[in-house]
Amino acid sequence: MWQRGMNWAAIALVGTFSVLWLGVVVYADVASAPWMRAGQAVFALLLLGWAVRKAALMIGKA
């Protein structure tokens, strides 16, 4: 039970962090090169995809 709660906490933290990171990269980071912003956006989307996938697996186990 404890491990399941920690898994949900990790999924929520990674998902929230990736959305915030994507927002900063898209809207606030105007000084970086476009290719750097694109790379960071891709990384943020990969983190978001991981969180969604893990959440779907956790729901499927229930």
PDB file of N, CA and C in Angstrom:
ATOM      1  N   MET A   1       0.828  -1.189   0.000  1.00  0.00           N
ATOM      2  CA  MET A   1       0.000   0.000   0.000  1.00  0.00           C
ATOM      3  C   MET A   1       0.878   1.261   0.000  1.00  0.00           C
ATOM      4  N   TRP A   2       1.901   1.244   0.840  1.00  0.00           N
ATOM      5  CA  TRP A   2       2.815   2.386   0.937  1.00  0.00           C
ATOM      6  C   TRP A   2       3.515   2.619  -0.397  1.00  0.00           C
ATOM      7  N   GLN A   3       3.973   1.540  -1.025  1.00  0.00           N
ATOM      8  CA  GLN A   3       4.676   1.648  -2.304  1.00  0.00           C
ATOM      9  C   GLN A   3       3.751   2.197  -3.388  1.00  0.00           C
ATOM     10  N   ARG A   4       2.512   1.785  -3.386  1.00  0.00           N
ATOM     11  CA  ARG A   4       1.550   2.268  -4.381  1.00  0.00           C
ATOM     12  C   ARG A   4       1.334   3.773  -4.257  1.00  0.00           C
ATOM     13  N   GLY A   5       1.233   4.262  -3.040  1.00  0.00           N
ATOM     14  CA  GLY A   5       1.093   5.699  -2.820  1.00  0.00           C
ATOM     15  C   GLY A   5       2.323   6.465  -3.281  1.00  0.00           C
ATOM     16  N   MET A   6       3.494   5.908  -3.027  1.00  0.00           N
ATOM     17  CA  MET A   6       4.730   6.565  -3.470  1.00  0.00           C
ATOM     18  C   MET A   6       4.837   6.556  -4.993  1.00  0.00           C
ATOM     19  N   ASN A   7       4.376   5.481  -5.619  1.00  0.00           N
ATOM     20  CA  ASN A   7       4.376   5.433  -7.083  1.00  0.00           C
ATOM     21  C   ASN A   7       3.480   6.531  -7.658  1.00  0.00           C
ATOM     22  N   TRP A   8       2.293   6.699  -7.074  1.00  0.00           N
ATOM     23  CA  TRP A   8       1.378   7.749  -7.541  1.00  0.00           C
ATOM     24  C   TRP A   8       1.981   9.127  -7.320  1.00  0.00           C
ATOM     25  N   ALA A   9       2.673   9.302  -6.200  1.00  0.00           N
ATOM     26  CA  ALA A   9       3.314  10.591  -5.925  1.00  0.00           C
ATOM     27  C   ALA A   9       4.403  10.883  -6.962  1.00  0.00           C
ATOM     28  N   ALA A  10       5.196   9.880  -7.296  1.00  0.00           N
ATOM     29  CA  ALA A  10       6.251  10.060  -8.298  1.00  0.00           C
ATOM     30  C   ALA A  10       5.656  10.390  -9.662  1.00  0.00           C
ATOM     31  N   ILE A  11       4.596   9.706 -10.024  1.00  0.00           N
ATOM     32  CA  ILE A  11       3.942   9.961 -11.315  1.00  0.00           C
ATOM     33  C   ILE A  11       3.401  11.387 -11.351  1.00  0.00           C
ATOM     34  N   ALA A  12       2.765  11.812 -10.276  1.00  0.00           N
ATOM     35  CA  ALA A  12       2.205  13.168 -10.225  1.00  0.00           C
ATOM     36  C   ALA A  12       3.308  14.222 -10.275  1.00  0.00           C
ATOM     37  N   LEU A  13       4.393  13.993  -9.563  1.00  0.00           N
ATOM     38  CA  LEU A  13       5.494  14.956  -9.561  1.00  0.00           C
ATOM     39  C   LEU A  13       6.147  15.077 -10.936  1.00  0.00           C
ATOM     40  N   VAL A  14       6.401  13.957 -11.579  1.00  0.00           N
ATOM     41  CA  VAL A  14       7.022  13.997 -12.909  1.00  0.00           C
ATOM     42  C   VAL A  14       6.080  14.637 -13.915  1.00  0.00           C
ATOM     43  N   GLY A  15       4.804  14.306 -13.862  1.00  0.00           N
ATOM     44  CA  GLY A  15       3.840  14.902 -14.781  1.00  0.00           C
ATOM     45  C   GLY A  15       3.717  16.403 -14.595  1.00  0.00           C
ATOM     46  N   THR A  16       3.639  16.839 -13.358  1.00  0.00           N
ATOM     47  CA  THR A  16       3.548  18.273 -13.074  1.00  0.00           C
ATOM     48  C   THR A  16       4.811  18.998 -13.499  1.00  0.00           C
ATOM     49  N   PHE A  17       5.957  18.422 -13.186  1.00  0.00           N
ATOM     50  CA  PHE A  17       7.224  19.034 -13.558  1.00  0.00           C
ATOM     51  C   PHE A  17       7.346  19.165 -15.070  1.00  0.00           C
ATOM     52  N   SER A  18       6.936  18.144 -15.815  1.00  0.00           N
ATOM     53  CA  SER A  18       7.071  18.201 -17.268  1.00  0.00           C
ATOM     54  C   SER A  18       6.164  19.267 -17.881  1.00  0.00           C
ATOM     55  N   VAL A  19       4.961  19.425 -17.339  1.00  0.00           N
ATOM     56  CA  VAL A  19       4.065  20.467 -17.846  1.00  0.00           C
ATOM     57  C   VAL A  19       4.623  21.854 -17.546  1.00  0.00           C
ATOM     58  N   LEU A  20       5.149  22.033 -16.333  1.00  0.00           N
ATOM     59  CA  LEU A  20       5.756  23.320 -15.990  1.00  0.00           C
ATOM     60  C   LEU A  20       6.981  23.604 -16.847  1.00  0.00           C
ATOM     61  N   TRP A  21       7.823  22.597 -17.047  1.00  0.00           N
ATOM     62  CA  TRP A  21       9.019  22.758 -17.867  1.00  0.00           C
ATOM     63  C   TRP A  21       8.635  23.137 -19.296  1.00  0.00           C
ATOM     64  N   LEU A  22       7.644  22.463 -19.843  1.00  0.00           N
ATOM     65  CA  LEU A  22       7.194  22.771 -21.196  1.00  0.00           C
ATOM     66  C   LEU A  22       6.675  24.202 -21.284  1.00  0.00           C
ATOM     67  N   GLY A  23       5.944  24.641 -20.293  1.00  0.00           N
ATOM     68  CA  GLY A  23       5.450  26.011 -20.289  1.00  0.00           C
ATOM     69  C   GLY A  23       6.564  27.031 -20.241  1.00  0.00           C
ATOM     70  N   VAL A  24       7.567  26.772 -19.428  1.00  0.00           N
ATOM     71  CA  VAL A  24       8.707  27.698 -19.357  1.00  0.00           C
ATOM     72  C   VAL A  24       9.454  27.730 -20.676  1.00  0.00           C
ATOM     73  N   VAL A  25       9.673  26.569 -21.269  1.00  0.00           N
ATOM     74  CA  VAL A  25      10.422  26.502 -22.530  1.00  0.00           C
ATOM     75  C   VAL A  25       9.658  27.210 -23.642  1.00  0.00           C
ATOM     76  N   VAL A  26       8.359  27.032 -23.699  1.00  0.00           N
ATOM     77  CA  VAL A  26       7.576  27.601 -24.795  1.00  0.00           C
ATOM     78  C   VAL A  26       7.371  29.101 -24.624  1.00  0.00           C
ATOM     79  N   TYR A  27       7.044  29.535 -23.411  1.00  0.00           N
ATOM     80  CA  TYR A  27       6.635  30.918 -23.227  1.00  0.00           C
ATOM     81  C   TYR A  27       7.700  31.840 -22.638  1.00  0.00           C
ATOM     82  N   ALA A  28       8.561  31.346 -21.773  1.00  0.00           N
ATOM     83  CA  ALA A  28       9.465  32.237 -21.050  1.00  0.00           C
ATOM     84  C   ALA A  28      10.893  32.234 -21.577  1.00  0.00           C
ATOM     85  N   ASP A  29      11.315  31.175 -22.196  1.00  0.00           N
ATOM     86  CA  ASP A  29      12.706  31.060 -22.633  1.00  0.00           C
ATOM     87  C   ASP A  29      12.842  31.592 -24.059  1.00  0.00           C
ATOM     88  N   VAL A  30      12.994  32.891 -24.166  1.00  0.00           N
ATOM     89  CA  VAL A  30      13.105  33.496 -25.497  1.00  0.00           C
ATOM     90  C   VAL A  30      14.553  33.743 -25.890  1.00  0.00           C
ATOM     91  N   ALA A  31      15.495  33.589 -24.957  1.00  0.00           N
ATOM     92  CA  ALA A  31      16.892  33.887 -25.237  1.00  0.00           C
ATOM     93  C   ALA A  31      17.648  32.690 -25.821  1.00  0.00           C
ATOM     94  N   SER A  32      17.136  31.487 -25.655  1.00  0.00           N
ATOM     95  CA  SER A  32      17.836  30.299 -26.142  1.00  0.00           C
ATOM     96  C   SER A  32      17.638  30.120 -27.639  1.00  0.00           C
ATOM     97  N   ALA A  33      18.528  29.347 -28.215  1.00  0.00           N
ATOM     98  CA  ALA A  33      18.423  29.016 -29.641  1.00  0.00           C
ATOM     99  C   ALA A  33      17.184  28.149 -29.869  1.00  0.00           C
ATOM    100  N   PRO A  34      16.579  28.286 -31.038  1.00  0.00           N
ATOM    101  CA  PRO A  34      15.366  27.496 -31.311  1.00  0.00           C
ATOM    102  C   PRO A  34      15.593  25.984 -31.212  1.00  0.00           C
ATOM    103  N   TRP A  35      16.751  25.508 -31.622  1.00  0.00           N
ATOM    104  CA  TRP A  35      16.986  24.060 -31.550  1.00  0.00           C
ATOM    105  C   TRP A  35      17.098  23.592 -30.098  1.00  0.00           C
ATOM    106  N   MET A  36      17.625  24.453 -29.213  1.00  0.00           N
ATOM    107  CA  MET A  36      17.688  24.092 -27.792  1.00  0.00           C
ATOM    108  C   MET A  36      16.288  24.053 -27.186  1.00  0.00           C
ATOM    109  N   ARG A  37      15.466  25.018 -27.548  1.00  0.00           N
ATOM    110  CA  ARG A  37      14.088  25.039 -27.057  1.00  0.00           C
ATOM    111  C   ARG A  37      13.324  23.826 -27.552  1.00  0.00           C
ATOM    112  N   ALA A  38      13.543  23.441 -28.816  1.00  0.00           N
ATOM    113  CA  ALA A  38      12.867  22.265 -29.368  1.00  0.00           C
ATOM    114  C   ALA A  38      13.310  21.000 -28.632  1.00  0.00           C
ATOM    115  N   GLY A  39      14.598  20.889 -28.356  1.00  0.00           N
ATOM    116  CA  GLY A  39      15.096  19.723 -27.628  1.00  0.00           C
ATOM    117  C   GLY A  39      14.527  19.632 -26.229  1.00  0.00           C
ATOM    118  N   GLN A  40      14.437  20.762 -25.552  1.00  0.00           N
ATOM    119  CA  GLN A  40      13.865  20.765 -24.207  1.00  0.00           C
ATOM    120  C   GLN A  40      12.370  20.459 -24.240  1.00  0.00           C
ATOM    121  N   ALA A  41      11.692  20.939 -25.264  1.00  0.00           N
ATOM    122  CA  ALA A  41      10.262  20.646 -25.395  1.00  0.00           C
ATOM    123  C   ALA A  41      10.041  19.150 -25.634  1.00  0.00           C
ATOM    124  N   VAL A  42      10.893  18.553 -26.466  1.00  0.00           N
ATOM    125  CA  VAL A  42      10.787  17.110 -26.715  1.00  0.00           C
ATOM    126  C   VAL A  42      11.029  16.331 -25.421  1.00  0.00           C
ATOM    127  N   PHE A  43      12.032  16.746 -24.651  1.00  0.00           N
ATOM    128  CA  PHE A  43      12.308  16.075 -23.380  1.00  0.00           C
ATOM    129  C   PHE A  43      11.123  16.207 -22.421  1.00  0.00           C
ATOM    130  N   ALA A  44      10.521  17.384 -22.356  1.00  0.00           N
ATOM    131  CA  ALA A  44       9.360  17.580 -21.494  1.00  0.00           C
ATOM    132  C   ALA A  44       8.204  16.690 -21.942  1.00  0.00           C
ATOM    133  N   LEU A  45       8.015  16.558 -23.240  1.00  0.00           N
ATOM    134  CA  LEU A  45       6.947  15.693 -23.746  1.00  0.00           C
ATOM    135  C   LEU A  45       7.236  14.221 -23.458  1.00  0.00           C
ATOM    136  N   LEU A  46       8.507  13.838 -23.501  1.00  0.00           N
ATOM    137  CA  LEU A  46       8.869  12.465 -23.140  1.00  0.00           C
ATOM    138  C   LEU A  46       8.555  12.191 -21.663  1.00  0.00           C
ATOM    139  N   LEU A  47       8.869  13.147 -20.803  1.00  0.00           N
ATOM    140  CA  LEU A  47       8.541  12.980 -19.386  1.00  0.00           C
ATOM    141  C   LEU A  47       7.033  12.895 -19.176  1.00  0.00           C
ATOM    142  N   LEU A  48       6.293  13.736 -19.881  1.00  0.00           N
ATOM    143  CA  LEU A  48       4.839  13.707 -19.769  1.00  0.00           C
ATOM    144  C   LEU A  48       4.287  12.371 -20.271  1.00  0.00           C
ATOM    145  N   GLY A  49       4.826  11.886 -21.365  1.00  0.00           N
ATOM    146  CA  GLY A  49       4.409  10.579 -21.880  1.00  0.00           C
ATOM    147  C   GLY A  49       4.690   9.457 -20.899  1.00  0.00           C
ATOM    148  N   TRP A  50       5.854   9.533 -20.242  1.00  0.00           N
ATOM    149  CA  TRP A  50       6.185   8.532 -19.227  1.00  0.00           C
ATOM    150  C   TRP A  50       5.157   8.551 -18.103  1.00  0.00           C
ATOM    151  N   ALA A  51       4.817   9.740 -17.633  1.00  0.00           N
ATOM    152  CA  ALA A  51       3.865   9.862 -16.527  1.00  0.00           C
ATOM    153  C   ALA A  51       2.494   9.326 -16.928  1.00  0.00           C
ATOM    154  N   VAL A  52       2.058   9.646 -18.128  1.00  0.00           N
ATOM    155  CA  VAL A  52       0.746   9.160 -18.595  1.00  0.00           C
ATOM    156  C   VAL A  52       0.761   7.640 -18.729  1.00  0.00           C
ATOM    157  N   ARG A  53       1.849   7.100 -19.267  1.00  0.00           N
ATOM    158  CA  ARG A  53       1.960   5.646 -19.443  1.00  0.00           C
ATOM    159  C   ARG A  53       1.948   4.937 -18.092  1.00  0.00           C
ATOM    160  N   LYS A  54       2.723   5.445 -17.154  1.00  0.00           N
ATOM    161  CA  LYS A  54       2.769   4.821 -15.825  1.00  0.00           C
ATOM    162  C   LYS A  54       1.415   4.925 -15.124  1.00  0.00           C
ATOM    163  N   ALA A  55       0.730   6.048 -15.280  1.00  0.00           N
ATOM    164  CA  ALA A  55      -0.587   6.192 -14.673  1.00  0.00           C
ATOM    165  C   ALA A  55      -1.566   5.186 -15.271  1.00  0.00           C
ATOM    166  N   ALA A  56      -1.488   5.011 -16.579  1.00  0.00           N
ATOM    167  CA  ALA A  56      -2.370   4.033 -17.235  1.00  0.00           C
ATOM    168  C   ALA A  56      -2.063   2.613 -16.742  1.00  0.00           C
ATOM    169  N   LEU A  57      -0.786   2.304 -16.557  1.00  0.00           N
ATOM    170  CA  LEU A  57      -0.429   0.979 -16.041  1.00  0.00           C
ATOM    171  C   LEU A  57      -0.903   0.801 -14.597  1.00  0.00           C
ATOM    172  N   MET A  58      -0.796   1.859 -13.806  1.00  0.00           N
ATOM    173  CA  MET A  58      -1.251   1.771 -12.411  1.00  0.00           C
ATOM    174  C   MET A  58      -2.769   1.587 -12.342  1.00  0.00           C
ATOM    175  N   ILE A  59      -3.497   2.276 -13.209  1.00  0.00           N
ATOM    176  CA  ILE A  59      -4.952   2.136 -13.228  1.00  0.00           C
ATOM    177  C   ILE A  59      -5.330   0.725 -13.703  1.00  0.00           C
ATOM    178  N   GLY A  60      -4.581   0.226 -14.678  1.00  0.00           N
ATOM    179  CA  GLY A  60      -4.841  -1.114 -15.191  1.00  0.00           C
ATOM    180  C   GLY A  60      -4.624  -2.209 -14.163  1.00  0.00           C
ATOM    181  N   LYS A  61      -3.723  -1.983 -13.219  1.00  0.00           N
ATOM    182  CA  LYS A  61      -3.462  -2.979 -12.173  1.00  0.00           C
ATOM    183  C   LYS A  61      -4.547  -3.014 -11.106  1.00  0.00           C
ATOM    184  N   ALA A  62      -5.271  -1.938 -10.967  1.00  0.00           N
ATOM    185  CA  ALA A  62      -6.265  -1.826  -9.887  1.00  0.00           C
ATOM    186  C   ALA A  62      -7.450  -2.738 -10.079  1.00  0.00           C
TER     187      ALA A  62
END
